[in-house]
Amino acid sequence: MERQLYAKIFKWVCWALLIVSVGLLVFAFPKFGGAGEEGAVTLMLNWAYIILGIAIVLIICIALFIDIRKNATSLEDNPVVKRPVKTILYVVGIVAALLAAYFFASGAPALGFTGTTTDSELKLTDTVLNLTYILGAGAILAIIVGEIIMSVRGKKA
């Protein structure tokens, strides 16, 4: 029953975001995108940032809500709830990776690029590239460590 409720909520949220996005495209695009192609692109990028931010916040909140709800019966026995703490530690790890990627980003202009960019655009681009490197290395490391652990324990994939 709970899964069906979550599926309905997810479906309605997706439809609402789709309707708002189409409404933005139809009504706001001609009005605010009138500054030429750059105004329209800026409007759509800002909307994408808003949607991404909402998605990240909702993912964290829903994960914490589900973890707390699953452990609600054991709260009387064990005042320390372990699963939400684990979720918070995952979030802290993700934030640490983001901060590391940001602080290692140089913000230097790309070689051979003749267009105009701002310093913040260059820093953001370098941050995304660094984050891609960090996550790629983490994925490869997780595969290698996972295989080693499985071979030591004697489990087959």
C-alpha atoms as a PDB file:
ATOM      1  CA  MET A   1       0.000   0.000   0.000  1.00  0.00           C
ATOM      2  CA  GLU A   2       2.818   2.390   0.901  1.00  0.00           C
ATOM      3  CA  ARG A   3       4.613   1.748  -2.389  1.00  0.00           C
ATOM      4  CA  GLN A   4       1.485   2.618  -4.329  1.00  0.00           C
ATOM      5  CA  LEU A   5       1.182   5.863  -2.394  1.00  0.00           C
ATOM      6  CA  TYR A   6       4.812   6.760  -3.140  1.00  0.00           C
ATOM      7  CA  ALA A   7       4.315   5.855  -6.799  1.00  0.00           C
ATOM      8  CA  LYS A   8       1.253   8.129  -6.996  1.00  0.00           C
ATOM      9  CA  ILE A   9       3.088  10.995  -5.313  1.00  0.00           C
ATOM     10  CA  PHE A  10       6.060  10.567  -7.647  1.00  0.00           C
ATOM     11  CA  LYS A  11       3.787  10.477 -10.695  1.00  0.00           C
ATOM     12  CA  TRP A  12       1.921  13.630  -9.674  1.00  0.00           C
ATOM     13  CA  VAL A  13       5.129  15.514  -8.887  1.00  0.00           C
ATOM     14  CA  CYS A  14       6.533  14.575 -12.302  1.00  0.00           C
ATOM     15  CA  TRP A  15       3.370  15.737 -14.036  1.00  0.00           C
ATOM     16  CA  ALA A  16       3.395  19.006 -12.061  1.00  0.00           C
ATOM     17  CA  LEU A  17       7.020  19.701 -13.013  1.00  0.00           C
ATOM     18  CA  LEU A  18       6.267  18.886 -16.648  1.00  0.00           C
ATOM     19  CA  ILE A  19       3.272  21.239 -16.698  1.00  0.00           C
ATOM     20  CA  VAL A  20       5.263  24.055 -15.061  1.00  0.00           C
ATOM     21  CA  SER A  21       8.130  23.514 -17.532  1.00  0.00           C
ATOM     22  CA  VAL A  22       5.809  23.597 -20.541  1.00  0.00           C
ATOM     23  CA  GLY A  23       4.055  26.656 -19.105  1.00  0.00           C
ATOM     24  CA  LEU A  24       7.401  28.373 -18.688  1.00  0.00           C
ATOM     25  CA  LEU A  25       8.344  27.482 -22.234  1.00  0.00           C
ATOM     26  CA  VAL A  26       5.058  28.712 -23.705  1.00  0.00           C
ATOM     27  CA  PHE A  27       4.337  31.824 -21.632  1.00  0.00           C
ATOM     28  CA  ALA A  28       7.619  33.076 -20.150  1.00  0.00           C
ATOM     29  CA  PHE A  29       9.924  32.265 -23.048  1.00  0.00           C
ATOM     30  CA  PRO A  30       8.513  34.929 -25.421  1.00  0.00           C
ATOM     31  CA  LYS A  31       8.293  37.526 -22.645  1.00  0.00           C
ATOM     32  CA  PHE A  32      11.623  37.053 -20.818  1.00  0.00           C
ATOM     33  CA  GLY A  33      13.517  35.489 -23.648  1.00  0.00           C
ATOM     34  CA  GLY A  34      13.092  38.618 -25.745  1.00  0.00           C
ATOM     35  CA  ALA A  35      16.717  39.618 -25.283  1.00  0.00           C
ATOM     36  CA  GLY A  36      17.588  37.380 -28.169  1.00  0.00           C
ATOM     37  CA  GLU A  37      18.908  33.873 -27.980  1.00  0.00           C
ATOM     38  CA  GLU A  38      20.986  34.573 -24.870  1.00  0.00           C
ATOM     39  CA  GLY A  39      17.945  35.655 -22.837  1.00  0.00           C
ATOM     40  CA  ALA A  40      16.058  32.499 -23.733  1.00  0.00           C
ATOM     41  CA  VAL A  41      18.993  30.255 -22.918  1.00  0.00           C
ATOM     42  CA  THR A  42      19.570  32.035 -19.609  1.00  0.00           C
ATOM     43  CA  LEU A  43      15.906  31.593 -18.711  1.00  0.00           C
ATOM     44  CA  MET A  44      15.972  27.868 -19.448  1.00  0.00           C
ATOM     45  CA  LEU A  45      19.288  27.338 -17.628  1.00  0.00           C
ATOM     46  CA  ASN A  46      17.963  29.125 -14.548  1.00  0.00           C
ATOM     47  CA  TRP A  47      14.865  26.903 -14.635  1.00  0.00           C
ATOM     48  CA  ALA A  48      17.089  23.828 -14.914  1.00  0.00           C
ATOM     49  CA  TYR A  49      19.117  25.006 -11.880  1.00  0.00           C
ATOM     50  CA  ILE A  50      15.901  25.487  -9.896  1.00  0.00           C
ATOM     51  CA  ILE A  51      14.619  22.021 -10.825  1.00  0.00           C
ATOM     52  CA  LEU A  52      17.991  20.445 -10.001  1.00  0.00           C
ATOM     53  CA  GLY A  53      18.103  22.168  -6.607  1.00  0.00           C
ATOM     54  CA  ILE A  54      14.555  21.063  -5.789  1.00  0.00           C
ATOM     55  CA  ALA A  55      15.377  17.499  -6.844  1.00  0.00           C
ATOM     56  CA  ILE A  56      18.486  17.342  -4.653  1.00  0.00           C
ATOM     57  CA  VAL A  57      16.656  18.702  -1.607  1.00  0.00           C
ATOM     58  CA  LEU A  58      13.732  16.324  -2.138  1.00  0.00           C
ATOM     59  CA  ILE A  59      15.996  13.307  -2.561  1.00  0.00           C
ATOM     60  CA  ILE A  60      17.738  14.049   0.734  1.00  0.00           C
ATOM     61  CA  CYS A  61      14.495  14.780   2.592  1.00  0.00           C
ATOM     62  CA  ILE A  62      12.693  11.707   1.239  1.00  0.00           C
ATOM     63  CA  ALA A  63      15.654   9.459   2.079  1.00  0.00           C
ATOM     64  CA  LEU A  64      15.728  10.771   5.651  1.00  0.00           C
ATOM     65  CA  PHE A  65      11.931  10.463   5.950  1.00  0.00           C
ATOM     66  CA  ILE A  66      11.929   6.852   4.753  1.00  0.00           C
ATOM     67  CA  ASP A  67      14.861   5.937   7.009  1.00  0.00           C
ATOM     68  CA  ILE A  68      13.222   7.465  10.064  1.00  0.00           C
ATOM     69  CA  ARG A  69       9.875   5.876   9.238  1.00  0.00           C
ATOM     70  CA  LYS A  70      11.430   2.417   8.852  1.00  0.00           C
ATOM     71  CA  ASN A  71      13.086   2.751  12.257  1.00  0.00           C
ATOM     72  CA  ALA A  72      10.128   4.380  14.022  1.00  0.00           C
ATOM     73  CA  THR A  73       9.192   1.123  15.785  1.00  0.00           C
ATOM     74  CA  SER A  74      12.644   0.743  17.306  1.00  0.00           C
ATOM     75  CA  LEU A  75      12.917   4.293  18.623  1.00  0.00           C
ATOM     76  CA  GLU A  76      11.765   3.244  22.105  1.00  0.00           C
ATOM     77  CA  ASP A  77      14.415   0.528  22.316  1.00  0.00           C
ATOM     78  CA  ASN A  78      17.273   2.387  20.651  1.00  0.00           C
ATOM     79  CA  PRO A  79      17.301   6.192  20.901  1.00  0.00           C
ATOM     80  CA  VAL A  80      20.185   6.386  18.419  1.00  0.00           C
ATOM     81  CA  VAL A  81      18.749   5.932  14.964  1.00  0.00           C
ATOM     82  CA  LYS A  82      21.503   4.487  12.788  1.00  0.00           C
ATOM     83  CA  ARG A  83      20.044   4.654   9.273  1.00  0.00           C
ATOM     84  CA  PRO A  84      19.359   8.420   9.189  1.00  0.00           C
ATOM     85  CA  VAL A  85      22.850   8.982  10.544  1.00  0.00           C
ATOM     86  CA  LYS A  86      24.178   6.855   7.696  1.00  0.00           C
ATOM     87  CA  THR A  87      22.198   8.912   5.176  1.00  0.00           C
ATOM     88  CA  ILE A  88      23.520  12.141   6.679  1.00  0.00           C
ATOM     89  CA  LEU A  89      27.072  10.777   6.421  1.00  0.00           C
ATOM     90  CA  TYR A  90      26.487  10.014   2.730  1.00  0.00           C
ATOM     91  CA  VAL A  91      25.292  13.577   2.205  1.00  0.00           C
ATOM     92  CA  VAL A  92      28.363  14.912   4.029  1.00  0.00           C
ATOM     93  CA  GLY A  93      30.575  12.767   1.777  1.00  0.00           C
ATOM     94  CA  ILE A  94      28.884  14.136  -1.340  1.00  0.00           C
ATOM     95  CA  VAL A  95      29.269  17.710  -0.102  1.00  0.00           C
ATOM     96  CA  ALA A  96      32.949  17.034   0.658  1.00  0.00           C
ATOM     97  CA  ALA A  97      33.468  15.766  -2.908  1.00  0.00           C
ATOM     98  CA  LEU A  98      31.730  18.858  -4.293  1.00  0.00           C
ATOM     99  CA  LEU A  99      33.835  21.183  -2.166  1.00  0.00           C
ATOM    100  CA  ALA A 100      37.043  19.386  -3.142  1.00  0.00           C
ATOM    101  CA  ALA A 101      36.109  19.675  -6.818  1.00  0.00           C
ATOM    102  CA  TYR A 102      35.341  23.378  -6.385  1.00  0.00           C
ATOM    103  CA  PHE A 103      38.536  24.224  -4.521  1.00  0.00           C
ATOM    104  CA  PHE A 104      40.717  22.334  -7.005  1.00  0.00           C
ATOM    105  CA  ALA A 105      39.054  24.096  -9.961  1.00  0.00           C
ATOM    106  CA  SER A 106      41.470  26.587 -11.485  1.00  0.00           C
ATOM    107  CA  GLY A 107      39.046  28.695 -13.501  1.00  0.00           C
ATOM    108  CA  ALA A 108      41.606  29.171 -16.263  1.00  0.00           C
ATOM    109  CA  PRO A 109      40.252  29.854 -19.754  1.00  0.00           C
ATOM    110  CA  ALA A 110      40.069  26.915 -22.158  1.00  0.00           C
ATOM    111  CA  LEU A 111      42.823  26.645 -24.714  1.00  0.00           C
ATOM    112  CA  GLY A 112      41.737  27.671 -28.202  1.00  0.00           C
ATOM    113  CA  PHE A 113      38.395  29.126 -27.059  1.00  0.00           C
ATOM    114  CA  THR A 114      37.849  32.618 -28.464  1.00  0.00           C
ATOM    115  CA  GLY A 115      34.431  33.383 -26.962  1.00  0.00           C
ATOM    116  CA  THR A 116      33.739  35.497 -23.925  1.00  0.00           C
ATOM    117  CA  THR A 117      33.117  33.906 -20.546  1.00  0.00           C
ATOM    118  CA  THR A 118      32.995  35.113 -16.983  1.00  0.00           C
ATOM    119  CA  ASP A 119      35.243  33.917 -14.197  1.00  0.00           C
ATOM    120  CA  SER A 120      32.329  32.167 -12.478  1.00  0.00           C
ATOM    121  CA  GLU A 121      31.485  30.221 -15.661  1.00  0.00           C
ATOM    122  CA  LEU A 122      35.084  29.048 -15.961  1.00  0.00           C
ATOM    123  CA  LYS A 123      35.190  28.051 -12.287  1.00  0.00           C
ATOM    124  CA  LEU A 124      31.891  26.150 -12.615  1.00  0.00           C
ATOM    125  CA  THR A 125      33.078  24.342 -15.741  1.00  0.00           C
ATOM    126  CA  ASP A 126      36.316  23.299 -14.055  1.00  0.00           C
ATOM    127  CA  THR A 127      34.367  22.197 -10.968  1.00  0.00           C
ATOM    128  CA  VAL A 128      32.132  19.930 -13.057  1.00  0.00           C
ATOM    129  CA  LEU A 129      35.157  18.457 -14.818  1.00  0.00           C
ATOM    130  CA  ASN A 130      36.941  17.841 -11.512  1.00  0.00           C
ATOM    131  CA  LEU A 131      33.790  16.287 -10.051  1.00  0.00           C
ATOM    132  CA  THR A 132      33.597  13.975 -13.066  1.00  0.00           C
ATOM    133  CA  TYR A 133      37.191  12.875 -12.445  1.00  0.00           C
ATOM    134  CA  ILE A 134      36.552  12.318  -8.721  1.00  0.00           C
ATOM    135  CA  LEU A 135      33.366  10.319  -9.296  1.00  0.00           C
ATOM    136  CA  GLY A 136      34.944   8.282 -12.098  1.00  0.00           C
ATOM    137  CA  ALA A 137      37.915   7.388  -9.913  1.00  0.00           C
ATOM    138  CA  GLY A 138      35.537   6.552  -7.058  1.00  0.00           C
ATOM    139  CA  ALA A 139      33.502   4.244  -9.295  1.00  0.00           C
ATOM    140  CA  ILE A 140      36.607   2.420 -10.519  1.00  0.00           C
ATOM    141  CA  LEU A 141      37.896   2.131  -6.949  1.00  0.00           C
ATOM    142  CA  ALA A 142      34.517   0.786  -5.769  1.00  0.00           C
ATOM    143  CA  ILE A 143      34.550  -1.879  -8.495  1.00  0.00           C
ATOM    144  CA  ILE A 144      38.073  -2.999  -7.615  1.00  0.00           C
ATOM    145  CA  VAL A 145      37.489  -3.015  -3.850  1.00  0.00           C
ATOM    146  CA  GLY A 146      34.143  -4.794  -4.305  1.00  0.00           C
ATOM    147  CA  GLU A 147      35.739  -7.533  -6.363  1.00  0.00           C
ATOM    148  CA  ILE A 148      38.556  -7.967  -3.840  1.00  0.00           C
ATOM    149  CA  ILE A 149      36.099  -8.209  -0.943  1.00  0.00           C
ATOM    150  CA  MET A 150      33.940 -10.724  -2.826  1.00  0.00           C
ATOM    151  CA  SER A 151      36.963 -12.868  -3.648  1.00  0.00           C
ATOM    152  CA  VAL A 152      38.185 -12.816  -0.042  1.00  0.00           C
ATOM    153  CA  ARG A 153      34.745 -13.790   1.268  1.00  0.00           C
ATOM    154  CA  GLY A 154      34.421 -16.483  -1.368  1.00  0.00           C
ATOM    155  CA  LYS A 155      31.247 -15.137  -2.959  1.00  0.00           C
ATOM    156  CA  LYS A 156      30.722 -15.286  -6.705  1.00  0.00           C
ATOM    157  CA  ALA A 157      29.112 -12.479  -8.676  1.00  0.00           C
END
